[in-house]
């Protein structure tokens, strides 16, 4: 009887000590950074990621049709070969994202920041890009010309005109 009571007391003491260590390391900023989320090849049609911090997450080959990423932090995210048809990226931060072979057909990129993104084979058919910032985005020349036909507005975050960031004539 006494042996079981001692074990419980020690278990409680160790639990309290462990929580103390976790709280101290978190308050000092020493806690390990959370691992990036992996949504590769998932079917997430109509998912709501609005306002979320998804830094370095991976959505490679995911089906994200009609999903909402408005005002989300998508820095360094991989959307390689993802289906983003009719997805909402209004005000999203896609800085340094991998967008190669992604399909942004009818996607809303209003006021999105795509600075430094890799989008060489992305498709932006009928996408809304008003106020989007394409600074240093790697695009094919034919795609850049097509986007220039749609380009208008100034990004409220960076203060850059969409046409300037696309080097439109």
Foldseek 3Di string as FASTA:
>chain_A
DVVVVVVVVVVVVVVVVVVVVVVVCVVVVNDDDDDQAEQDQAEQAQAECDQEERELHEHAQYEHDNYEHDLYEHDQYECHLYEHDQYEHHNYEQDQYEQDNYECAQYECHLYENANYEHAHYHNHNYQNAQYALANYDYDPVVLQVVLVRFAHHRPVPRHGNNVRSVHD
